[in-house]
């Protein structure tokens, strides 16, 4: 999965947050809904134009971000 095929950042859309190409739907929103228990089918049914490939791209994007050398530490 090449997430770059599905996700873009445009400063004029969603305050520059990553969105799915051709939409105003943020990757953050989709990942939050998944973390709250929504299924891929729930999201696809409720958001016109969203596909299973978009959801896979969102998770691939999240994994790519976490592969960076920066770690988040909790105290």
PDB file of N, CA and C in Angstrom:
ATOM      1  N   UNK A   1       0.855  -1.185   0.000  1.00  0.00           N
ATOM      2  CA  UNK A   1       0.000   0.000   0.000  1.00  0.00           C
ATOM      3  C   UNK A   1       0.890   1.234   0.000  1.00  0.00           C
ATOM      4  N   UNK A   2       0.702   2.066  -0.986  1.00  0.00           N
ATOM      5  CA  UNK A   2       1.415   3.335  -1.061  1.00  0.00           C
ATOM      6  C   UNK A   2       0.445   4.430  -0.618  1.00  0.00           C
ATOM      7  N   UNK A   3       0.536   4.831   0.638  1.00  0.00           N
ATOM      8  CA  UNK A   3      -0.430   5.789   1.177  1.00  0.00           C
ATOM      9  C   UNK A   3      -0.395   7.129   0.434  1.00  0.00           C
ATOM     10  N   UNK A   4       0.748   7.456  -0.177  1.00  0.00           N
ATOM     11  CA  UNK A   4       0.861   8.719  -0.900  1.00  0.00           C
ATOM     12  C   UNK A   4      -0.104   8.790  -2.088  1.00  0.00           C
ATOM     13  N   UNK A   5      -0.575   7.647  -2.560  1.00  0.00           N
ATOM     14  CA  UNK A   5      -1.545   7.634  -3.654  1.00  0.00           C
ATOM     15  C   UNK A   5      -2.918   8.121  -3.199  1.00  0.00           C
ATOM     16  N   UNK A   6      -3.170   8.139  -1.901  1.00  0.00           N
ATOM     17  CA  UNK A   6      -4.495   8.438  -1.361  1.00  0.00           C
ATOM     18  C   UNK A   6      -4.559   9.655  -0.448  1.00  0.00           C
ATOM     19  N   UNK A   7      -3.406  10.094   0.060  1.00  0.00           N
ATOM     20  CA  UNK A   7      -3.382  11.148   1.083  1.00  0.00           C
ATOM     21  C   UNK A   7      -2.540  12.312   0.596  1.00  0.00           C
ATOM     22  N   UNK A   8      -3.022  13.518   0.899  1.00  0.00           N
ATOM     23  CA  UNK A   8      -2.282  14.719   0.545  1.00  0.00           C
ATOM     24  C   UNK A   8      -2.426  15.760   1.647  1.00  0.00           C
ATOM     25  N   UNK A   9      -1.551  16.735   1.609  1.00  0.00           N
ATOM     26  CA  UNK A   9      -1.622  17.875   2.520  1.00  0.00           C
ATOM     27  C   UNK A   9      -1.682  19.122   1.656  1.00  0.00           C
ATOM     28  N   UNK A  10      -2.753  19.887   1.854  1.00  0.00           N
ATOM     29  CA  UNK A  10      -2.911  21.168   1.163  1.00  0.00           C
ATOM     30  C   UNK A  10      -3.216  22.207   2.227  1.00  0.00           C
ATOM     31  N   UNK A  11      -2.386  23.233   2.338  1.00  0.00           N
ATOM     32  CA  UNK A  11      -2.574  24.229   3.399  1.00  0.00           C
ATOM     33  C   UNK A  11      -3.972  24.844   3.438  1.00  0.00           C
ATOM     34  N   UNK A  12      -4.632  24.951   2.290  1.00  0.00           N
ATOM     35  CA  UNK A  12      -5.951  25.585   2.248  1.00  0.00           C
ATOM     36  C   UNK A  12      -7.093  24.629   2.621  1.00  0.00           C
ATOM     37  N   UNK A  13      -6.787  23.370   2.853  1.00  0.00           N
ATOM     38  CA  UNK A  13      -7.812  22.382   3.209  1.00  0.00           C
ATOM     39  C   UNK A  13      -7.522  21.837   4.599  1.00  0.00           C
ATOM     40  N   UNK A  14      -8.513  21.884   5.477  1.00  0.00           N
ATOM     41  CA  UNK A  14      -8.416  21.309   6.828  1.00  0.00           C
ATOM     42  C   UNK A  14      -7.198  21.820   7.593  1.00  0.00           C
ATOM     43  N   UNK A  15      -6.891  23.081   7.425  1.00  0.00           N
ATOM     44  CA  UNK A  15      -5.768  23.731   8.128  1.00  0.00           C
ATOM     45  C   UNK A  15      -4.451  22.972   7.897  1.00  0.00           C
ATOM     46  N   UNK A  16      -4.318  22.363   6.731  1.00  0.00           N
ATOM     47  CA  UNK A  16      -3.080  21.683   6.383  1.00  0.00           C
ATOM     48  C   UNK A  16      -2.925  20.287   6.946  1.00  0.00           C
ATOM     49  N   UNK A  17      -3.973  19.752   7.557  1.00  0.00           N
ATOM     50  CA  UNK A  17      -3.900  18.371   8.048  1.00  0.00           C
ATOM     51  C   UNK A  17      -3.986  17.414   6.867  1.00  0.00           C
ATOM     52  N   UNK A  18      -3.409  16.224   6.989  1.00  0.00           N
ATOM     53  CA  UNK A  18      -3.511  15.242   5.909  1.00  0.00           C
ATOM     54  C   UNK A  18      -4.979  14.874   5.648  1.00  0.00           C
ATOM     55  N   UNK A  19      -5.358  14.917   4.369  1.00  0.00           N
ATOM     56  CA  UNK A  19      -6.716  14.565   3.948  1.00  0.00           C
ATOM     57  C   UNK A  19      -6.618  13.542   2.817  1.00  0.00           C
ATOM     58  N   UNK A  20      -7.738  12.879   2.572  1.00  0.00           N
ATOM     59  CA  UNK A  20      -7.792  11.973   1.440  1.00  0.00           C
ATOM     60  C   UNK A  20      -7.939  12.807   0.178  1.00  0.00           C
ATOM     61  N   UNK A  21      -7.179  12.490  -0.834  1.00  0.00           N
ATOM     62  CA  UNK A  21      -7.159  13.272  -2.071  1.00  0.00           C
ATOM     63  C   UNK A  21      -8.574  13.480  -2.596  1.00  0.00           C
ATOM     64  N   UNK A  22      -8.843  14.712  -2.971  1.00  0.00           N
ATOM     65  CA  UNK A  22     -10.136  15.056  -3.533  1.00  0.00           C
ATOM     66  C   UNK A  22     -11.253  15.211  -2.521  1.00  0.00           C
ATOM     67  N   UNK A  23     -10.907  15.160  -1.215  1.00  0.00           N
ATOM     68  CA  UNK A  23     -11.913  15.306  -0.167  1.00  0.00           C
ATOM     69  C   UNK A  23     -11.445  16.319   0.859  1.00  0.00           C
ATOM     70  N   UNK A  24     -12.307  16.599   1.808  1.00  0.00           N
ATOM     71  CA  UNK A  24     -11.944  17.404   2.971  1.00  0.00           C
ATOM     72  C   UNK A  24     -11.936  16.530   4.225  1.00  0.00           C
ATOM     73  N   UNK A  25     -11.995  15.224   4.041  1.00  0.00           N
ATOM     74  CA  UNK A  25     -12.035  14.263   5.148  1.00  0.00           C
ATOM     75  C   UNK A  25     -10.614  13.986   5.614  1.00  0.00           C
ATOM     76  N   UNK A  26     -10.347  14.265   6.894  1.00  0.00           N
ATOM     77  CA  UNK A  26      -8.977  14.113   7.397  1.00  0.00           C
ATOM     78  C   UNK A  26      -8.669  12.673   7.785  1.00  0.00           C
ATOM     79  N   UNK A  27      -7.404  12.346   7.647  1.00  0.00           N
ATOM     80  CA  UNK A  27      -6.904  11.045   8.085  1.00  0.00           C
ATOM     81  C   UNK A  27      -7.100  10.921   9.596  1.00  0.00           C
ATOM     82  N   UNK A  28      -6.859  11.997  10.309  1.00  0.00           N
ATOM     83  CA  UNK A  28      -7.036  12.019  11.759  1.00  0.00           C
ATOM     84  C   UNK A  28      -8.455  11.600  12.138  1.00  0.00           C
ATOM     85  N   UNK A  29      -9.457  12.139  11.455  1.00  0.00           N
ATOM     86  CA  UNK A  29     -10.854  11.820  11.741  1.00  0.00           C
ATOM     87  C   UNK A  29     -11.117  10.325  11.575  1.00  0.00           C
ATOM     88  N   UNK A  30     -10.647   9.761  10.483  1.00  0.00           N
ATOM     89  CA  UNK A  30     -10.867   8.334  10.229  1.00  0.00           C
ATOM     90  C   UNK A  30     -10.170   7.483  11.290  1.00  0.00           C
ATOM     91  N   UNK A  31      -8.936   7.824  11.617  1.00  0.00           N
ATOM     92  CA  UNK A  31      -8.212   7.054  12.644  1.00  0.00           C
ATOM     93  C   UNK A  31      -8.888   7.170  14.008  1.00  0.00           C
ATOM     94  N   UNK A  32      -9.396   8.349  14.335  1.00  0.00           N
ATOM     95  CA  UNK A  32     -10.107   8.517  15.609  1.00  0.00           C
ATOM     96  C   UNK A  32     -11.359   7.655  15.649  1.00  0.00           C
ATOM     97  N   UNK A  33     -12.128   7.656  14.563  1.00  0.00           N
ATOM     98  CA  UNK A  33     -13.354   6.842  14.533  1.00  0.00           C
ATOM     99  C   UNK A  33     -13.021   5.363  14.678  1.00  0.00           C
ATOM    100  N   UNK A  34     -11.954   4.914  14.008  1.00  0.00           N
ATOM    101  CA  UNK A  34     -11.542   3.512  14.137  1.00  0.00           C
ATOM    102  C   UNK A  34     -11.144   3.201  15.574  1.00  0.00           C
ATOM    103  N   UNK A  35     -10.441   4.117  16.222  1.00  0.00           N
ATOM    104  CA  UNK A  35     -10.002   3.880  17.609  1.00  0.00           C
ATOM    105  C   UNK A  35     -11.172   3.850  18.576  1.00  0.00           C
ATOM    106  N   UNK A  36     -12.285   4.478  18.177  1.00  0.00           N
ATOM    107  CA  UNK A  36     -13.488   4.492  19.016  1.00  0.00           C
ATOM    108  C   UNK A  36     -14.382   3.287  18.752  1.00  0.00           C
ATOM    109  N   UNK A  37     -13.965   2.415  17.832  1.00  0.00           N
ATOM    110  CA  UNK A  37     -14.718   1.197  17.598  1.00  0.00           C
ATOM    111  C   UNK A  37     -15.496   1.134  16.305  1.00  0.00           C
ATOM    112  N   UNK A  38     -15.464   2.204  15.510  1.00  0.00           N
ATOM    113  CA  UNK A  38     -16.136   2.150  14.211  1.00  0.00           C
ATOM    114  C   UNK A  38     -15.422   1.135  13.337  1.00  0.00           C
ATOM    115  N   UNK A  39     -16.181   0.464  12.500  1.00  0.00           N
ATOM    116  CA  UNK A  39     -15.575  -0.472  11.560  1.00  0.00           C
ATOM    117  C   UNK A  39     -15.344   0.240  10.236  1.00  0.00           C
ATOM    118  N   UNK A  40     -14.525  -0.373   9.408  1.00  0.00           N
ATOM    119  CA  UNK A  40     -14.301   0.176   8.072  1.00  0.00           C
ATOM    120  C   UNK A  40     -15.631   0.282   7.329  1.00  0.00           C
ATOM    121  N   UNK A  41     -16.476  -0.725   7.453  1.00  0.00           N
ATOM    122  CA  UNK A  41     -17.784  -0.686   6.785  1.00  0.00           C
ATOM    123  C   UNK A  41     -18.645   0.460   7.301  1.00  0.00           C
ATOM    124  N   UNK A  42     -18.604   0.721   8.611  1.00  0.00           N
ATOM    125  CA  UNK A  42     -19.355   1.860   9.170  1.00  0.00           C
ATOM    126  C   UNK A  42     -18.931   3.154   8.482  1.00  0.00           C
ATOM    127  N   UNK A  43     -17.630   3.354   8.384  1.00  0.00           N
ATOM    128  CA  UNK A  43     -17.110   4.593   7.803  1.00  0.00           C
ATOM    129  C   UNK A  43     -17.445   4.694   6.324  1.00  0.00           C
ATOM    130  N   UNK A  44     -17.280   3.607   5.605  1.00  0.00           N
ATOM    131  CA  UNK A  44     -17.569   3.600   4.171  1.00  0.00           C
ATOM    132  C   UNK A  44     -19.048   3.894   3.926  1.00  0.00           C
ATOM    133  N   UNK A  45     -19.906   3.322   4.762  1.00  0.00           N
ATOM    134  CA  UNK A  45     -21.352   3.543   4.620  1.00  0.00           C
ATOM    135  C   UNK A  45     -21.758   4.982   4.932  1.00  0.00           C
ATOM    136  N   UNK A  46     -21.025   5.645   5.821  1.00  0.00           N
ATOM    137  CA  UNK A  46     -21.425   6.967   6.289  1.00  0.00           C
ATOM    138  C   UNK A  46     -20.732   8.140   5.610  1.00  0.00           C
ATOM    139  N   UNK A  47     -19.680   7.904   4.874  1.00  0.00           N
ATOM    140  CA  UNK A  47     -18.931   8.998   4.254  1.00  0.00           C
ATOM    141  C   UNK A  47     -18.769   8.720   2.760  1.00  0.00           C
ATOM    142  N   UNK A  48     -19.522   9.453   1.975  1.00  0.00           N
ATOM    143  CA  UNK A  48     -19.547   9.272   0.523  1.00  0.00           C
ATOM    144  C   UNK A  48     -18.143   9.421  -0.051  1.00  0.00           C
ATOM    145  N   UNK A  49     -17.753   8.469  -0.864  1.00  0.00           N
ATOM    146  CA  UNK A  49     -16.453   8.519  -1.522  1.00  0.00           C
ATOM    147  C   UNK A  49     -15.341   7.828  -0.765  1.00  0.00           C
ATOM    148  N   UNK A  50     -15.552   7.546   0.520  1.00  0.00           N
ATOM    149  CA  UNK A  50     -14.533   6.856   1.309  1.00  0.00           C
ATOM    150  C   UNK A  50     -14.540   5.379   0.940  1.00  0.00           C
ATOM    151  N   UNK A  51     -13.357   4.815   0.735  1.00  0.00           N
ATOM    152  CA  UNK A  51     -13.241   3.414   0.340  1.00  0.00           C
ATOM    153  C   UNK A  51     -12.351   2.647   1.316  1.00  0.00           C
ATOM    154  N   UNK A  52     -12.349   1.347   1.157  1.00  0.00           N
ATOM    155  CA  UNK A  52     -11.469   0.507   1.979  1.00  0.00           C
ATOM    156  C   UNK A  52     -10.007   0.878   1.735  1.00  0.00           C
ATOM    157  N   UNK A  53      -9.673   1.248   0.506  1.00  0.00           N
ATOM    158  CA  UNK A  53      -8.296   1.665   0.220  1.00  0.00           C
ATOM    159  C   UNK A  53      -7.921   2.927   0.995  1.00  0.00           C
ATOM    160  N   UNK A  54      -8.850   3.853   1.154  1.00  0.00           N
ATOM    161  CA  UNK A  54      -8.577   5.050   1.957  1.00  0.00           C
ATOM    162  C   UNK A  54      -8.258   4.661   3.402  1.00  0.00           C
ATOM    163  N   UNK A  55      -9.032   3.741   3.940  1.00  0.00           N
ATOM    164  CA  UNK A  55      -8.823   3.338   5.334  1.00  0.00           C
ATOM    165  C   UNK A  55      -7.491   2.620   5.488  1.00  0.00           C
ATOM    166  N   UNK A  56      -7.136   1.768   4.541  1.00  0.00           N
ATOM    167  CA  UNK A  56      -5.819   1.120   4.587  1.00  0.00           C
ATOM    168  C   UNK A  56      -4.716   2.165   4.459  1.00  0.00           C
ATOM    169  N   UNK A  57      -4.920   3.163   3.616  1.00  0.00           N
ATOM    170  CA  UNK A  57      -3.924   4.229   3.469  1.00  0.00           C
ATOM    171  C   UNK A  57      -3.748   4.995   4.773  1.00  0.00           C
ATOM    172  N   UNK A  58      -4.846   5.223   5.492  1.00  0.00           N
ATOM    173  CA  UNK A  58      -4.769   5.931   6.778  1.00  0.00           C
ATOM    174  C   UNK A  58      -3.920   5.150   7.775  1.00  0.00           C
ATOM    175  N   UNK A  59      -4.110   3.849   7.833  1.00  0.00           N
ATOM    176  CA  UNK A  59      -3.317   3.050   8.776  1.00  0.00           C
ATOM    177  C   UNK A  59      -1.862   2.959   8.319  1.00  0.00           C
ATOM    178  N   UNK A  60      -1.639   2.892   7.017  1.00  0.00           N
ATOM    179  CA  UNK A  60      -0.266   2.878   6.504  1.00  0.00           C
ATOM    180  C   UNK A  60       0.430   4.210   6.795  1.00  0.00           C
ATOM    181  N   UNK A  61      -0.315   5.305   6.667  1.00  0.00           N
ATOM    182  CA  UNK A  61       0.225   6.625   6.985  1.00  0.00           C
ATOM    183  C   UNK A  61       0.612   6.694   8.467  1.00  0.00           C
ATOM    184  N   UNK A  62      -0.271   6.222   9.336  1.00  0.00           N
ATOM    185  CA  UNK A  62       0.010   6.231  10.776  1.00  0.00           C
ATOM    186  C   UNK A  62       1.265   5.413  11.084  1.00  0.00           C
ATOM    187  N   UNK A  63       1.407   4.265  10.454  1.00  0.00           N
ATOM    188  CA  UNK A  63       2.595   3.440  10.671  1.00  0.00           C
ATOM    189  C   UNK A  63       3.847   4.157  10.192  1.00  0.00           C
ATOM    190  N   UNK A  64       3.756   4.840   9.056  1.00  0.00           N
ATOM    191  CA  UNK A  64       4.910   5.573   8.532  1.00  0.00           C
ATOM    192  C   UNK A  64       5.328   6.692   9.477  1.00  0.00           C
ATOM    193  N   UNK A  65       4.349   7.387  10.033  1.00  0.00           N
ATOM    194  CA  UNK A  65       4.652   8.461  10.983  1.00  0.00           C
ATOM    195  C   UNK A  65       5.331   7.888  12.224  1.00  0.00           C
ATOM    196  N   UNK A  66       4.862   6.754  12.706  1.00  0.00           N
ATOM    197  CA  UNK A  66       5.439   6.152  13.907  1.00  0.00           C
ATOM    198  C   UNK A  66       6.830   5.569  13.672  1.00  0.00           C
ATOM    199  N   UNK A  67       7.166   5.283  12.423  1.00  0.00           N
ATOM    200  CA  UNK A  67       8.506   4.769  12.128  1.00  0.00           C
ATOM    201  C   UNK A  67       9.580   5.841  12.266  1.00  0.00           C
ATOM    202  N   UNK A  68       9.177   7.079  12.336  1.00  0.00           N
ATOM    203  CA  UNK A  68      10.160   8.148  12.524  1.00  0.00           C
ATOM    204  C   UNK A  68      10.911   7.919  13.830  1.00  0.00           C
ATOM    205  N   UNK A  69      12.039   8.537  13.969  1.00  0.00           N
ATOM    206  CA  UNK A  69      12.871   8.346  15.153  1.00  0.00           C
ATOM    207  C   UNK A  69      12.349   9.060  16.384  1.00  0.00           C
ATOM    208  N   UNK A  70      11.326   9.871  16.227  1.00  0.00           N
ATOM    209  CA  UNK A  70      10.797  10.610  17.360  1.00  0.00           C
ATOM    210  C   UNK A  70       9.880   9.710  18.177  1.00  0.00           C
ATOM    211  N   UNK A  71      10.052   9.710  19.475  1.00  0.00           N
ATOM    212  CA  UNK A  71       9.208   8.917  20.355  1.00  0.00           C
ATOM    213  C   UNK A  71       8.415   9.823  21.265  1.00  0.00           C
ATOM    214  N   UNK A  72       7.239   9.392  21.632  1.00  0.00           N
ATOM    215  CA  UNK A  72       6.412  10.140  22.570  1.00  0.00           C
ATOM    216  C   UNK A  72       6.512   9.417  23.904  1.00  0.00           C
ATOM    217  N   UNK A  73       6.993  10.111  24.915  1.00  0.00           N
ATOM    218  CA  UNK A  73       7.158   9.512  26.230  1.00  0.00           C
ATOM    219  C   UNK A  73       6.096  10.034  27.166  1.00  0.00           C
ATOM    220  N   UNK A  74       5.559   9.162  27.956  1.00  0.00           N
ATOM    221  CA  UNK A  74       4.569   9.542  28.963  1.00  0.00           C
ATOM    222  C   UNK A  74       5.225   9.512  30.327  1.00  0.00           C
ATOM    223  N   UNK A  75       4.937  10.519  31.122  1.00  0.00           N
ATOM    224  CA  UNK A  75       5.532  10.556  32.470  1.00  0.00           C
ATOM    225  C   UNK A  75       4.494  10.337  33.526  1.00  0.00           C
TER     226      UNK A  75
END
